[in-house]
Amino acid sequence: MRRPARPGRTPGAPGRDRDRDRARDRGQVTVEFLGLLPLILVALVLLWQCALVGYTYVLAAHAADRGARAATATEAGGPGACTTAVTRQLPRAWHDGANTACTAEAGLWKATVHLKVPVLFPGAGTFPWTVTGTAGAAEEAPAP
């Protein structure tokens, strides 16, 4: 004896309706992914740019610290050594927008480094604002 058909379902083979639904849904995941792809790419670009801004802050602080330490050297110290040390610490892509100031204040050498933040890739372009890193080091007393 045959069972009566369920409401909303046509009589036939048990899996036939599911197969038809799958065939209609074919490609739906691809369409949804392509719709979200621009949003995913924008999010990745923003995350990359945030990483570059953070890296620029790290570079500025590290270069200022090295510059201040180089300025305190007893024999070859001073503003020239400070500027040279800062330039050596920075990658080439950050050299163009770099601005360094080294000053002595009451036994303390202070180095300030201003760097431009690159847009997406170092060397491609820069934002109009600068990142500042400042460091100080006590002047070394000459050995007796």
C-alpha atoms as a PDB file:
ATOM      1  CA  MET A   1       0.000   0.000   0.000  1.00  0.00           C
ATOM      2  CA  ARG A   2       1.258   3.426  -0.940  1.00  0.00           C
ATOM      3  CA  ARG A   3       1.480   6.324   1.529  1.00  0.00           C
ATOM      4  CA  PRO A   4      -0.329   9.541   0.777  1.00  0.00           C
ATOM      5  CA  ALA A   5       1.885  12.457  -0.360  1.00  0.00           C
ATOM      6  CA  ARG A   6       2.806  15.118   2.170  1.00  0.00           C
ATOM      7  CA  PRO A   7       1.338  18.561   1.694  1.00  0.00           C
ATOM      8  CA  GLY A   8       3.554  20.809  -0.478  1.00  0.00           C
ATOM      9  CA  ARG A   9       5.371  17.863  -1.986  1.00  0.00           C
ATOM     10  CA  THR A  10       4.809  16.159  -5.266  1.00  0.00           C
ATOM     11  CA  PRO A  11       4.734  12.419  -5.225  1.00  0.00           C
ATOM     12  CA  GLY A  12       7.752  10.742  -6.712  1.00  0.00           C
ATOM     13  CA  ALA A  13      11.183   9.563  -5.696  1.00  0.00           C
ATOM     14  CA  PRO A  14      12.127  10.498  -2.103  1.00  0.00           C
ATOM     15  CA  GLY A  15      15.265  12.612  -2.857  1.00  0.00           C
ATOM     16  CA  ARG A  16      14.144  14.242  -6.097  1.00  0.00           C
ATOM     17  CA  ASP A  17      13.003  17.539  -4.480  1.00  0.00           C
ATOM     18  CA  ARG A  18      16.295  17.964  -2.642  1.00  0.00           C
ATOM     19  CA  ASP A  19      18.273  17.413  -5.831  1.00  0.00           C
ATOM     20  CA  ARG A  20      16.213  20.054  -7.617  1.00  0.00           C
ATOM     21  CA  ASP A  21      16.803  22.551  -4.756  1.00  0.00           C
ATOM     22  CA  ARG A  22      20.552  21.929  -4.871  1.00  0.00           C
ATOM     23  CA  ALA A  23      20.623  22.498  -8.601  1.00  0.00           C
ATOM     24  CA  ARG A  24      18.854  25.852  -8.169  1.00  0.00           C
ATOM     25  CA  ASP A  25      21.290  26.900  -5.400  1.00  0.00           C
ATOM     26  CA  ARG A  26      24.371  26.010  -7.420  1.00  0.00           C
ATOM     27  CA  GLY A  27      26.732  29.005  -7.590  1.00  0.00           C
ATOM     28  CA  GLN A  28      25.059  30.885  -4.741  1.00  0.00           C
ATOM     29  CA  VAL A  29      28.183  30.770  -2.553  1.00  0.00           C
ATOM     30  CA  THR A  30      30.260  32.140  -5.432  1.00  0.00           C
ATOM     31  CA  VAL A  31      27.849  35.031  -5.980  1.00  0.00           C
ATOM     32  CA  GLU A  32      27.809  35.874  -2.265  1.00  0.00           C
ATOM     33  CA  PHE A  33      31.611  35.739  -2.088  1.00  0.00           C
ATOM     34  CA  LEU A  34      31.970  38.025  -5.108  1.00  0.00           C
ATOM     35  CA  GLY A  35      29.536  40.455  -3.488  1.00  0.00           C
ATOM     36  CA  LEU A  36      31.598  40.554  -0.285  1.00  0.00           C
ATOM     37  CA  LEU A  37      35.013  40.541  -1.982  1.00  0.00           C
ATOM     38  CA  PRO A  38      35.314  44.362  -2.238  1.00  0.00           C
ATOM     39  CA  LEU A  39      34.462  44.698   1.458  1.00  0.00           C
ATOM     40  CA  ILE A  40      37.042  42.068   2.388  1.00  0.00           C
ATOM     41  CA  LEU A  41      39.699  43.802   0.275  1.00  0.00           C
ATOM     42  CA  VAL A  42      38.954  47.213   1.811  1.00  0.00           C
ATOM     43  CA  ALA A  43      39.247  45.709   5.300  1.00  0.00           C
ATOM     44  CA  LEU A  44      42.606  44.124   4.419  1.00  0.00           C
ATOM     45  CA  VAL A  45      43.928  47.391   2.952  1.00  0.00           C
ATOM     46  CA  LEU A  46      42.894  49.291   6.086  1.00  0.00           C
ATOM     47  CA  LEU A  47      44.581  46.724   8.325  1.00  0.00           C
ATOM     48  CA  TRP A  48      47.760  46.914   6.223  1.00  0.00           C
ATOM     49  CA  GLN A  49      47.742  50.725   6.408  1.00  0.00           C
ATOM     50  CA  CYS A  50      47.325  50.600  10.197  1.00  0.00           C
ATOM     51  CA  ALA A  51      50.307  48.249  10.369  1.00  0.00           C
ATOM     52  CA  LEU A  52      52.388  50.710   8.306  1.00  0.00           C
ATOM     53  CA  VAL A  53      51.438  53.598  10.600  1.00  0.00           C
ATOM     54  CA  GLY A  54      52.451  51.557  13.640  1.00  0.00           C
ATOM     55  CA  TYR A  55      55.694  50.484  12.002  1.00  0.00           C
ATOM     56  CA  THR A  56      56.515  54.112  11.188  1.00  0.00           C
ATOM     57  CA  TYR A  57      56.048  55.027  14.871  1.00  0.00           C
ATOM     58  CA  VAL A  58      58.390  52.204  15.857  1.00  0.00           C
ATOM     59  CA  LEU A  59      60.991  53.302  13.299  1.00  0.00           C
ATOM     60  CA  ALA A  60      60.858  56.934  14.451  1.00  0.00           C
ATOM     61  CA  ALA A  61      61.256  56.033  18.132  1.00  0.00           C
ATOM     62  CA  HIS A  62      64.083  53.560  17.499  1.00  0.00           C
ATOM     63  CA  ALA A  63      65.977  55.940  15.212  1.00  0.00           C
ATOM     64  CA  ALA A  64      65.633  58.785  17.740  1.00  0.00           C
ATOM     65  CA  ASP A  65      66.961  56.533  20.504  1.00  0.00           C
ATOM     66  CA  ARG A  66      69.971  55.506  18.428  1.00  0.00           C
ATOM     67  CA  GLY A  67      70.611  59.112  17.431  1.00  0.00           C
ATOM     68  CA  ALA A  68      70.550  60.346  21.019  1.00  0.00           C
ATOM     69  CA  ARG A  69      72.925  57.580  22.095  1.00  0.00           C
ATOM     70  CA  ALA A  70      75.328  58.360  19.230  1.00  0.00           C
ATOM     71  CA  ALA A  71      75.342  62.057  20.161  1.00  0.00           C
ATOM     72  CA  THR A  72      76.528  61.261  23.693  1.00  0.00           C
ATOM     73  CA  ALA A  73      79.650  59.444  22.541  1.00  0.00           C
ATOM     74  CA  THR A  74      82.663  61.286  23.972  1.00  0.00           C
ATOM     75  CA  GLU A  75      84.976  61.183  20.953  1.00  0.00           C
ATOM     76  CA  ALA A  76      82.827  61.283  17.822  1.00  0.00           C
ATOM     77  CA  GLY A  77      79.553  62.501  19.289  1.00  0.00           C
ATOM     78  CA  GLY A  78      77.496  65.568  18.629  1.00  0.00           C
ATOM     79  CA  PRO A  79      74.807  66.509  16.145  1.00  0.00           C
ATOM     80  CA  GLY A  80      76.634  64.981  13.157  1.00  0.00           C
ATOM     81  CA  ALA A  81      76.894  61.581  14.804  1.00  0.00           C
ATOM     82  CA  CYS A  82      73.251  61.840  15.834  1.00  0.00           C
ATOM     83  CA  THR A  83      72.040  62.522  12.285  1.00  0.00           C
ATOM     84  CA  THR A  84      74.239  59.792  10.832  1.00  0.00           C
ATOM     85  CA  ALA A  85      72.969  57.230  13.344  1.00  0.00           C
ATOM     86  CA  VAL A  86      69.349  58.149  12.601  1.00  0.00           C
ATOM     87  CA  THR A  87      69.903  57.776   8.848  1.00  0.00           C
ATOM     88  CA  ARG A  88      71.550  54.378   9.300  1.00  0.00           C
ATOM     89  CA  GLN A  89      68.623  53.075  11.362  1.00  0.00           C
ATOM     90  CA  LEU A  90      65.937  53.988   8.826  1.00  0.00           C
ATOM     91  CA  PRO A  91      65.084  51.847   5.802  1.00  0.00           C
ATOM     92  CA  ARG A  92      65.659  53.621   2.457  1.00  0.00           C
ATOM     93  CA  ALA A  93      61.953  54.076   1.761  1.00  0.00           C
ATOM     94  CA  TRP A  94      61.657  56.314   4.845  1.00  0.00           C
ATOM     95  CA  HIS A  95      64.709  58.493   4.039  1.00  0.00           C
ATOM     96  CA  ASP A  96      62.815  60.939   1.783  1.00  0.00           C
ATOM     97  CA  GLY A  97      60.395  62.197   4.424  1.00  0.00           C
ATOM     98  CA  ALA A  98      62.839  62.022   7.353  1.00  0.00           C
ATOM     99  CA  ASN A  99      63.693  65.141   9.316  1.00  0.00           C
ATOM    100  CA  THR A 100      66.088  64.950  12.272  1.00  0.00           C
ATOM    101  CA  ALA A 101      66.906  67.460  15.000  1.00  0.00           C
ATOM    102  CA  CYS A 102      69.615  66.843  17.637  1.00  0.00           C
ATOM    103  CA  THR A 103      70.068  69.290  20.501  1.00  0.00           C
ATOM    104  CA  ALA A 104      72.008  69.415  23.768  1.00  0.00           C
ATOM    105  CA  GLU A 105      70.247  70.643  26.918  1.00  0.00           C
ATOM    106  CA  ALA A 106      72.024  70.715  30.280  1.00  0.00           C
ATOM    107  CA  GLY A 107      73.946  67.448  29.976  1.00  0.00           C
ATOM    108  CA  LEU A 108      71.214  65.731  27.953  1.00  0.00           C
ATOM    109  CA  TRP A 109      71.245  65.044  24.237  1.00  0.00           C
ATOM    110  CA  LYS A 110      67.797  65.033  22.715  1.00  0.00           C
ATOM    111  CA  ALA A 111      67.009  63.587  19.275  1.00  0.00           C
ATOM    112  CA  THR A 112      63.725  64.171  17.469  1.00  0.00           C
ATOM    113  CA  VAL A 113      62.857  62.307  14.273  1.00  0.00           C
ATOM    114  CA  HIS A 114      59.924  63.221  12.013  1.00  0.00           C
ATOM    115  CA  LEU A 115      58.864  60.630   9.428  1.00  0.00           C
ATOM    116  CA  LYS A 116      56.195  60.699   6.748  1.00  0.00           C
ATOM    117  CA  VAL A 117      53.729  57.790   6.802  1.00  0.00           C
ATOM    118  CA  PRO A 118      53.711  55.848   3.505  1.00  0.00           C
ATOM    119  CA  VAL A 119      50.496  55.069   1.649  1.00  0.00           C
ATOM    120  CA  LEU A 120      50.126  51.288   1.230  1.00  0.00           C
ATOM    121  CA  PHE A 121      53.732  50.681   0.148  1.00  0.00           C
ATOM    122  CA  PRO A 122      56.879  52.469   1.316  1.00  0.00           C
ATOM    123  CA  GLY A 123      58.164  54.651  -1.480  1.00  0.00           C
ATOM    124  CA  ALA A 124      54.827  54.857  -3.343  1.00  0.00           C
ATOM    125  CA  GLY A 125      53.535  58.032  -1.690  1.00  0.00           C
ATOM    126  CA  THR A 126      53.052  59.601   1.717  1.00  0.00           C
ATOM    127  CA  PHE A 127      50.258  61.002   3.827  1.00  0.00           C
ATOM    128  CA  PRO A 128      50.384  64.729   4.653  1.00  0.00           C
ATOM    129  CA  TRP A 129      51.034  64.169   8.355  1.00  0.00           C
ATOM    130  CA  THR A 130      54.243  63.125  10.085  1.00  0.00           C
ATOM    131  CA  VAL A 131      55.061  60.740  12.884  1.00  0.00           C
ATOM    132  CA  THR A 132      57.401  61.988  15.606  1.00  0.00           C
ATOM    133  CA  GLY A 133      59.820  59.983  17.701  1.00  0.00           C
ATOM    134  CA  THR A 134      61.782  61.623  20.527  1.00  0.00           C
ATOM    135  CA  ALA A 135      64.515  60.231  22.741  1.00  0.00           C
ATOM    136  CA  GLY A 136      67.110  61.563  25.138  1.00  0.00           C
ATOM    137  CA  ALA A 137      70.358  60.295  26.560  1.00  0.00           C
ATOM    138  CA  ALA A 138      72.561  61.670  29.309  1.00  0.00           C
ATOM    139  CA  GLU A 139      75.884  63.045  28.171  1.00  0.00           C
ATOM    140  CA  GLU A 140      78.728  60.771  29.129  1.00  0.00           C
ATOM    141  CA  ALA A 141      81.445  62.175  31.337  1.00  0.00           C
ATOM    142  CA  PRO A 142      84.984  61.762  30.026  1.00  0.00           C
ATOM    143  CA  ALA A 143      86.988  59.005  31.650  1.00  0.00           C
ATOM    144  CA  PRO A 144      89.640  60.268  34.123  1.00  0.00           C
END
